[in-house]
């Protein structure tokens, strides 16, 4: 029986992601308290008429119309009267219920409810969402579009943070614009730049770096105006894999190097001052997988958002083998809600990755057809 070449001390993926998350500083996010009751007064939750519920289905004379933002004091609902009201408008004095438009019979400026109104029907009560002074968000709560809206509602408009700038640089002497048969073009650089852009970063796509320690050191010591640097290649065990040694010589903090994942085992993450370096493997599928997992997490942390959860679940349409003891992310097509595995040919198979729209998690030993497993989209 063939023995696995995997090492038992490789860092599990979830632990590597958590280690990166914990090492990065989150923005100092303020807490939030309600400035006033929410809603500040009773409001209509539907278009209709505002009236006294106690008068039941009796006809009422319409006094006028209230719109969202109108001063409700211009009308007072007395017996036998009602006020047309639009969603979001404040209730006029004397009214205690809303009858929706579709439940009204109308004859000129007279309306008659076709239902028995009850006190509070279709009314958002003052303070039902929050009372003045209530804590709405504790300090440090990750930001989201809805939470930014809540700050704005309470008169604390938080400015949108500028997009983080991410540098992208492949490494390798084999990368040339016009390759001979023993050379290749740089596909990782454009791929990772597109990925970073899709994930919400500003991108600085740089020229490929040669496999020379001095060139790597110079690039790391003079990173420019970037917060994160994505490199691909130079992190494995070859004679030209200089990046780990260069980082060590520069005094960088290595967060981890080598994870329990296939493809993508050589993955490296390090901090050099304020610069986060994500050293991705050189094979394109490995570089893509680790870029998708680790860059999305780093951007969320540094921008003050919650940790992303990329995983969804679906069943495999066919069995997938997985030799060795590392979990595999296998390229698939998602067809009618099922994962159809593609015949991938390893971590250098960019053709299959480009045809895939999902990466399915395959446990060590493989999974049978019909097994439900987690997967993440190819973006």
Protein backbone atom coordinates (compact mmCIF):
# COMPACT_ATOMS: atom_id res chain seq x y z
CA UNK A 1 0.00 0.00 0.00
CA UNK A 2 1.32 3.43 -0.94
CA UNK A 3 2.11 5.65 2.02
CA UNK A 4 0.91 9.24 2.21
CA UNK A 5 3.63 11.87 1.92
CA UNK A 6 1.56 14.31 3.98
CA UNK A 7 2.94 15.47 7.31
CA UNK A 8 0.86 15.00 10.47
CA UNK A 9 1.83 18.44 11.79
CA UNK A 10 0.28 20.46 8.97
CA UNK A 11 -1.98 23.24 10.23
CA UNK A 12 -5.71 22.53 9.63
CA UNK A 13 -7.42 25.08 7.40
CA UNK A 14 -9.83 26.36 10.06
CA UNK A 15 -6.97 26.91 12.49
CA UNK A 16 -4.93 28.77 9.86
CA UNK A 17 -7.87 31.04 9.09
CA UNK A 18 -8.43 31.73 12.80
CA UNK A 19 -4.74 32.45 13.33
CA UNK A 20 -4.80 35.01 10.51
CA UNK A 21 -7.99 36.60 11.86
CA UNK A 22 -6.57 36.94 15.36
CA UNK A 23 -3.30 38.44 14.13
CA UNK A 24 -4.89 41.30 12.21
CA UNK A 25 -6.12 44.49 13.92
CA UNK A 26 -9.78 45.33 13.50
CA UNK A 27 -10.79 49.02 13.21
CA UNK A 28 -11.88 50.76 16.41
CA UNK A 29 -15.64 50.64 15.94
CA UNK A 30 -17.88 52.79 18.17
CA UNK A 31 -20.97 51.61 19.97
CA UNK A 32 -24.40 53.07 19.21
CA UNK A 33 -27.34 54.16 21.37
CA UNK A 34 -30.78 55.30 20.25
CA UNK A 35 -31.02 59.08 20.02
CA UNK A 36 -34.82 58.94 20.36
CA UNK A 37 -37.66 56.41 20.40
CA UNK A 38 -37.82 54.26 17.27
CA UNK A 39 -40.26 54.98 15.78
CA UNK A 40 -40.44 58.44 17.31
CA UNK A 41 -44.25 58.44 17.11
CA UNK A 42 -47.00 56.04 16.04
CA UNK A 43 -46.76 55.46 12.28
CA UNK A 44 -48.78 53.75 9.56
CA UNK A 45 -47.36 50.46 8.29
CA UNK A 46 -49.71 50.34 5.27
CA UNK A 47 -51.49 52.71 2.90
CA UNK A 48 -55.11 53.20 3.98
CA UNK A 49 -57.12 55.39 6.34
CA UNK A 50 -56.46 56.32 9.95
CA UNK A 51 -59.56 56.13 12.13
CA UNK A 52 -61.07 55.27 15.49
CA UNK A 53 -61.39 51.49 15.77
CA UNK A 54 -64.34 51.74 18.17
CA UNK A 55 -66.65 52.94 15.37
CA UNK A 56 -66.34 49.60 13.60
CA UNK A 57 -67.59 49.48 10.01
CA UNK A 58 -69.44 52.79 10.08
CA UNK A 59 -68.88 55.22 7.20
CA UNK A 60 -66.42 58.06 7.76
CA UNK A 61 -65.84 61.36 6.04
CA UNK A 62 -62.27 61.76 4.79
CA UNK A 63 -60.62 64.92 6.09
CA UNK A 64 -57.53 64.82 3.89
CA UNK A 65 -54.30 62.91 3.31
CA UNK A 66 -51.12 62.45 5.35
CA UNK A 67 -47.87 61.46 3.66
CA UNK A 68 -44.60 60.30 5.20
CA UNK A 69 -43.07 63.42 6.70
CA UNK A 70 -46.37 65.34 6.92
CA UNK A 71 -47.21 67.05 10.21
CA UNK A 72 -50.07 64.92 11.65
CA UNK A 73 -51.35 67.82 13.75
CA UNK A 74 -53.07 69.39 10.73
CA UNK A 75 -55.88 66.83 11.20
CA UNK A 76 -57.75 65.57 14.26
CA UNK A 77 -59.81 62.40 13.87
CA UNK A 78 -63.20 62.89 15.52
CA UNK A 79 -66.19 60.49 15.47
CA UNK A 80 -67.39 59.93 11.91
CA UNK A 81 -64.13 61.06 10.29
CA UNK A 82 -60.94 59.47 8.97
CA UNK A 83 -57.71 60.58 7.30
CA UNK A 84 -56.12 58.97 4.26
CA UNK A 85 -52.59 57.93 5.24
CA UNK A 86 -49.55 56.61 3.42
CA UNK A 87 -47.04 54.08 4.73
CA UNK A 88 -44.60 55.71 7.14
CA UNK A 89 -46.78 58.72 7.92
CA UNK A 90 -47.40 59.67 11.54
CA UNK A 91 -50.88 58.95 12.93
CA UNK A 92 -53.06 62.03 13.41
CA UNK A 93 -54.48 62.82 16.86
CA UNK A 94 -57.57 60.76 17.66
CA UNK A 95 -56.74 57.83 15.36
CA UNK A 96 -55.77 54.45 16.81
CA UNK A 97 -55.93 52.07 13.81
CA UNK A 98 -55.30 51.82 10.07
CA UNK A 99 -57.64 50.09 7.64
CA UNK A 100 -55.74 49.20 4.43
CA UNK A 101 -56.88 50.49 1.05
CA UNK A 102 -57.89 47.01 -0.11
CA UNK A 103 -60.30 46.68 2.85
CA UNK A 104 -62.19 49.92 2.13
CA UNK A 105 -65.29 50.78 0.14
CA UNK A 106 -65.01 54.32 -1.23
CA UNK A 107 -67.75 56.70 -2.35
CA UNK A 108 -66.39 60.15 -3.13
CA UNK A 109 -64.89 61.53 0.10
CA UNK A 110 -66.59 58.86 2.23
CA UNK A 111 -65.02 55.51 3.17
CA UNK A 112 -66.49 52.47 4.82
CA UNK A 113 -64.32 49.67 6.30
CA UNK A 114 -65.06 46.15 5.05
CA UNK A 115 -63.39 44.64 8.11
CA UNK A 116 -63.73 45.16 11.84
CA UNK A 117 -60.80 47.41 12.81
CA UNK A 118 -58.97 46.80 16.07
CA UNK A 119 -56.88 49.23 18.07
CA UNK A 120 -53.28 49.08 16.79
CA UNK A 121 -54.07 47.47 13.43
CA UNK A 122 -51.26 48.26 10.95
CA UNK A 123 -49.68 50.75 13.32
CA UNK A 124 -45.99 50.82 14.23
CA UNK A 125 -46.12 51.90 17.85
CA UNK A 126 -43.82 54.58 19.21
CA UNK A 127 -40.69 52.99 20.66
CA UNK A 128 -41.59 49.43 19.64
CA UNK A 129 -38.15 48.95 18.06
CA UNK A 130 -36.08 50.90 20.59
CA UNK A 131 -36.41 53.47 23.33
CA UNK A 132 -34.25 56.59 23.57
CA UNK A 133 -30.95 55.66 25.21
CA UNK A 134 -31.20 51.93 24.42
CA UNK A 135 -27.94 50.30 23.33
CA UNK A 136 -28.37 49.37 19.69
CA UNK A 137 -24.86 48.09 18.92
CA UNK A 138 -22.03 47.44 21.39
CA UNK A 139 -18.60 48.86 20.61
CA UNK A 140 -16.62 46.65 18.26
CA UNK A 141 -19.64 45.23 16.42
CA UNK A 142 -18.52 44.35 12.86
CA UNK A 143 -19.89 46.69 10.23
CA UNK A 144 -22.43 45.82 7.58
CA UNK A 145 -24.58 47.89 5.23
CA UNK A 146 -27.54 47.57 7.61
CA UNK A 147 -25.44 48.67 10.60
CA UNK A 148 -24.10 51.67 8.70
CA UNK A 149 -27.72 52.58 7.95
CA UNK A 150 -28.54 52.34 11.66
CA UNK A 151 -25.71 54.76 12.51
CA UNK A 152 -27.10 57.16 9.88
CA UNK A 153 -30.62 56.83 11.33
CA UNK A 154 -29.28 57.87 14.72
CA UNK A 155 -27.49 60.91 13.29
CA UNK A 156 -24.01 59.36 13.25
CA UNK A 157 -23.11 59.00 9.61
CA UNK A 158 -19.99 56.86 9.42
CA UNK A 159 -17.93 57.54 6.30
CA UNK A 160 -17.35 54.60 4.01
CA UNK A 161 -13.85 53.32 4.54
CA UNK A 162 -11.57 53.50 1.50
CA UNK A 163 -10.94 50.17 -0.18
CA UNK A 164 -7.80 48.45 1.00
CA UNK A 165 -4.99 48.42 -1.52
CA UNK A 166 -3.61 45.01 -2.40
CA UNK A 167 -0.39 44.42 -4.31
CA UNK A 168 -0.07 41.34 -6.51
CA UNK A 169 3.29 39.96 -7.64
CA UNK A 170 4.08 36.53 -9.03
CA UNK A 171 7.56 35.07 -8.62
CA UNK A 172 9.58 32.87 -10.92
CA UNK A 173 12.35 33.02 -13.53
CA UNK A 174 10.14 30.96 -15.83
CA UNK A 175 7.60 33.79 -16.26
CA UNK A 176 8.13 35.68 -19.53
CA UNK A 177 5.84 37.53 -21.98
CA UNK A 178 6.78 35.37 -24.99
CA UNK A 179 7.53 31.91 -23.63
CA UNK A 180 9.54 29.17 -25.23
CA UNK A 181 8.31 25.64 -24.57
CA UNK A 182 10.20 25.49 -21.27
CA UNK A 183 8.74 28.79 -20.06
CA UNK A 184 5.26 30.15 -19.24
CA UNK A 185 3.38 33.42 -19.15
CA UNK A 186 2.30 34.93 -15.84
CA UNK A 187 -1.33 33.84 -15.40
CA UNK A 188 -1.33 34.01 -11.59
CA UNK A 189 -0.81 37.76 -11.49
CA UNK A 190 -3.89 38.67 -13.59
CA UNK A 191 -5.93 35.93 -11.88
CA UNK A 192 -5.13 37.14 -8.36
CA UNK A 193 -5.59 40.79 -9.35
CA UNK A 194 -9.06 39.96 -10.69
CA UNK A 195 -9.84 37.99 -7.53
CA UNK A 196 -8.74 40.85 -5.26
CA UNK A 197 -10.84 43.28 -7.29
CA UNK A 198 -13.87 40.98 -7.06
CA UNK A 199 -13.40 40.75 -3.29
CA UNK A 200 -13.52 44.54 -3.00
CA UNK A 201 -9.88 45.68 -2.96
CA UNK A 202 -8.02 48.28 -4.96
CA UNK A 203 -5.35 46.38 -6.85
CA UNK A 204 -1.75 47.11 -7.83
CA UNK A 205 -0.68 44.40 -10.29
CA UNK A 206 3.10 44.37 -10.36
CA UNK A 207 5.69 42.81 -12.61
CA UNK A 208 6.74 39.26 -11.79
CA UNK A 209 9.69 38.99 -9.42
CA UNK A 210 12.71 36.82 -10.24
CA UNK A 211 13.70 33.91 -8.01
CA UNK A 212 16.41 35.96 -6.30
CA UNK A 213 16.54 36.70 -2.55
CA UNK A 214 17.77 40.26 -3.11
CA UNK A 215 14.89 41.11 -5.43
CA UNK A 216 12.35 39.61 -3.02
CA UNK A 217 13.86 41.48 -0.08
CA UNK A 218 13.77 44.78 -1.98
CA UNK A 219 10.12 44.27 -2.91
CA UNK A 220 9.18 43.50 0.69
CA UNK A 221 11.16 46.40 2.14
CA UNK A 222 9.65 48.89 -0.30
CA UNK A 223 6.04 47.74 -0.68
CA UNK A 224 4.59 51.16 -1.53
CA UNK A 225 1.07 52.19 -0.54
CA UNK A 226 -0.39 48.71 -0.11
CA UNK A 227 -1.77 47.02 3.00
CA UNK A 228 -1.59 43.45 1.70
CA UNK A 229 0.85 41.82 -0.70
CA UNK A 230 -0.17 38.66 -2.56
CA UNK A 231 2.70 36.68 -3.98
CA UNK A 232 2.53 33.37 -5.80
CA UNK A 233 5.38 30.88 -5.89
CA UNK A 234 8.59 30.65 -3.89
CA UNK A 235 7.07 29.13 -0.73
CA UNK A 236 7.61 25.39 -1.17
CA UNK A 237 10.74 23.24 -0.78
CA UNK A 238 12.60 23.89 -4.05
CA UNK A 239 16.02 25.44 -4.45
CA UNK A 240 14.42 28.67 -5.72
CA UNK A 241 11.77 28.92 -3.00
CA UNK A 242 13.40 31.84 -1.20
CA UNK A 243 10.43 33.67 0.29
CA UNK A 244 10.33 32.01 3.75
CA UNK A 245 14.07 32.60 4.27
CA UNK A 246 13.89 36.20 3.09
CA UNK A 247 11.00 36.93 5.44
CA UNK A 248 12.90 35.39 8.33
CA UNK A 249 15.98 37.50 7.54
CA UNK A 250 13.83 40.65 7.49
CA UNK A 251 12.40 39.87 10.94
CA UNK A 252 8.85 39.14 9.77
CA UNK A 253 6.38 37.35 12.03
CA UNK A 254 5.42 34.09 10.32
CA UNK A 255 1.81 33.35 11.23
CA UNK A 256 1.88 29.93 9.59
CA UNK A 257 3.58 28.06 6.77
CA UNK A 258 2.04 24.91 5.27
CA UNK A 259 -1.56 23.92 5.84
CA UNK A 260 -3.55 20.70 5.65
CA UNK A 261 -5.26 21.32 2.33
CA UNK A 262 -5.03 20.02 -1.21
CA UNK A 263 -4.23 21.91 -3.33
CA UNK A 264 -2.41 24.63 -1.44
CA UNK A 265 -0.23 22.98 1.21
CA UNK A 266 2.73 25.46 0.99
CA UNK A 267 0.54 28.48 1.94
CA UNK A 268 2.38 31.10 4.01
CA UNK A 269 1.10 34.15 5.93
CA UNK A 270 3.39 36.69 7.57
CA UNK A 271 3.40 40.19 9.03
CA UNK A 272 6.25 42.54 8.15
CA UNK A 273 5.48 45.65 10.15
CA UNK A 274 2.02 46.73 8.98
CA UNK A 275 2.28 44.77 5.74
CA UNK A 276 0.38 41.49 5.53
CA UNK A 277 2.01 39.08 3.13
CA UNK A 278 0.02 36.15 1.81
CA UNK A 279 2.51 33.84 0.14
CA UNK A 280 0.44 31.66 -2.17
CA UNK A 281 1.75 28.53 -3.90
CA UNK A 282 2.84 28.88 -7.52
CA UNK A 283 0.50 26.40 -9.15
CA UNK A 284 -2.56 28.34 -10.34
CA UNK A 285 -5.28 26.21 -8.72
CA UNK A 286 -3.44 26.30 -5.39
CA UNK A 287 -2.90 30.05 -5.68
CA UNK A 288 -6.58 30.65 -6.49
CA UNK A 289 -7.93 28.43 -3.69
CA UNK A 290 -5.76 30.01 -1.00
CA UNK A 291 -6.27 33.52 -2.34
CA UNK A 292 -10.03 33.08 -2.20
CA UNK A 293 -9.94 31.71 1.35
CA UNK A 294 -7.35 33.93 3.00
CA UNK A 295 -7.65 37.25 1.17
CA UNK A 296 -11.41 37.44 1.72
CA UNK A 297 -10.86 36.85 5.45
CA UNK A 298 -8.06 39.43 5.71
CA UNK A 299 -10.08 42.12 3.93
CA UNK A 300 -13.08 41.52 6.19
CA UNK A 301 -10.97 41.76 9.35
CA UNK A 302 -9.12 44.91 8.35
CA UNK A 303 -12.32 46.61 7.16
CA UNK A 304 -14.19 45.81 10.38
CA UNK A 305 -16.63 43.33 8.83
CA UNK A 306 -17.68 39.95 10.19
CA UNK A 307 -15.65 36.92 9.15
CA UNK A 308 -17.02 35.66 5.83
CA UNK A 309 -18.47 32.18 5.58
CA UNK A 310 -17.92 31.03 1.98
CA UNK A 311 -19.42 27.58 2.45
CA UNK A 312 -22.65 26.23 1.00
CA UNK A 313 -23.87 22.64 0.91
CA UNK A 314 -24.93 20.35 -1.92
CA UNK A 315 -24.78 16.70 -2.95
CA UNK A 316 -22.19 15.19 -5.26
CA UNK A 317 -23.50 13.91 -8.57
CA UNK A 318 -20.58 11.44 -8.79
CA UNK A 319 -17.93 9.96 -6.53
CA UNK A 320 -14.61 11.76 -6.04
CA UNK A 321 -11.48 9.95 -4.93
CA UNK A 322 -8.97 11.63 -2.65
CA UNK A 323 -5.72 9.84 -1.92
CA UNK A 324 -3.67 11.00 1.04
CA UNK A 325 -4.78 12.50 4.33
CA UNK A 326 -5.47 16.10 3.35
CA UNK A 327 -8.95 17.38 2.48
CA UNK A 328 -9.31 18.25 -1.20
CA UNK A 329 -11.09 21.18 -2.83
CA UNK A 330 -12.19 19.65 -6.12
CA UNK A 331 -13.46 21.68 -9.11
CA UNK A 332 -17.09 21.03 -10.03
CA UNK A 333 -19.93 22.33 -12.09
CA UNK A 334 -23.10 23.17 -10.19
CA UNK A 335 -25.98 21.67 -12.19
CA UNK A 336 -29.55 21.82 -10.88
CA UNK A 337 -28.32 22.12 -7.32
CA UNK A 338 -25.89 19.18 -7.51
CA UNK A 339 -22.11 19.19 -7.73
CA UNK A 340 -20.85 17.53 -10.91
CA UNK A 341 -17.11 16.81 -10.46
CA UNK A 342 -14.84 17.80 -13.31
CA UNK A 343 -11.91 15.55 -14.33
CA UNK A 344 -9.23 17.73 -12.77
CA UNK A 345 -5.58 17.00 -13.37
CA UNK A 346 -4.03 18.57 -10.29
CA UNK A 347 -3.01 21.94 -8.98
CA UNK A 348 -1.53 23.13 -12.29
CA UNK A 349 -4.75 22.49 -14.24
CA UNK A 350 -5.94 26.02 -14.95
CA UNK A 351 -8.14 24.77 -17.81
CA UNK A 352 -10.39 22.81 -15.43
CA UNK A 353 -10.48 25.61 -12.84
CA UNK A 354 -11.66 28.02 -15.55
CA UNK A 355 -14.50 25.63 -16.43
CA UNK A 356 -15.59 25.19 -12.80
CA UNK A 357 -18.09 27.26 -10.85
CA UNK A 358 -17.69 25.45 -7.51
CA UNK A 359 -14.99 23.91 -5.33
CA UNK A 360 -16.28 20.91 -3.37
CA UNK A 361 -14.78 19.81 -0.06
CA UNK A 362 -13.71 16.18 -0.34
CA UNK A 363 -12.59 14.49 2.88
CA UNK A 364 -9.49 12.30 2.96
CA UNK A 365 -10.29 9.00 1.28
CA UNK A 366 -12.93 10.52 -1.01
CA UNK A 367 -16.72 10.80 -1.04
CA UNK A 368 -19.38 8.72 -2.75
CA UNK A 369 -22.03 9.96 -5.15
CA UNK A 370 -25.01 11.46 -3.32
CA UNK A 371 -22.95 12.57 -0.33
CA UNK A 372 -23.78 16.04 0.92
CA UNK A 373 -20.67 18.18 1.32
CA UNK A 374 -19.72 21.81 1.65
CA UNK A 375 -18.57 23.84 -1.34
CA UNK A 376 -17.66 27.40 -2.19
CA UNK A 377 -18.27 29.35 -5.41
CA UNK A 378 -15.57 30.10 -7.94
CA UNK A 379 -15.80 33.88 -8.33
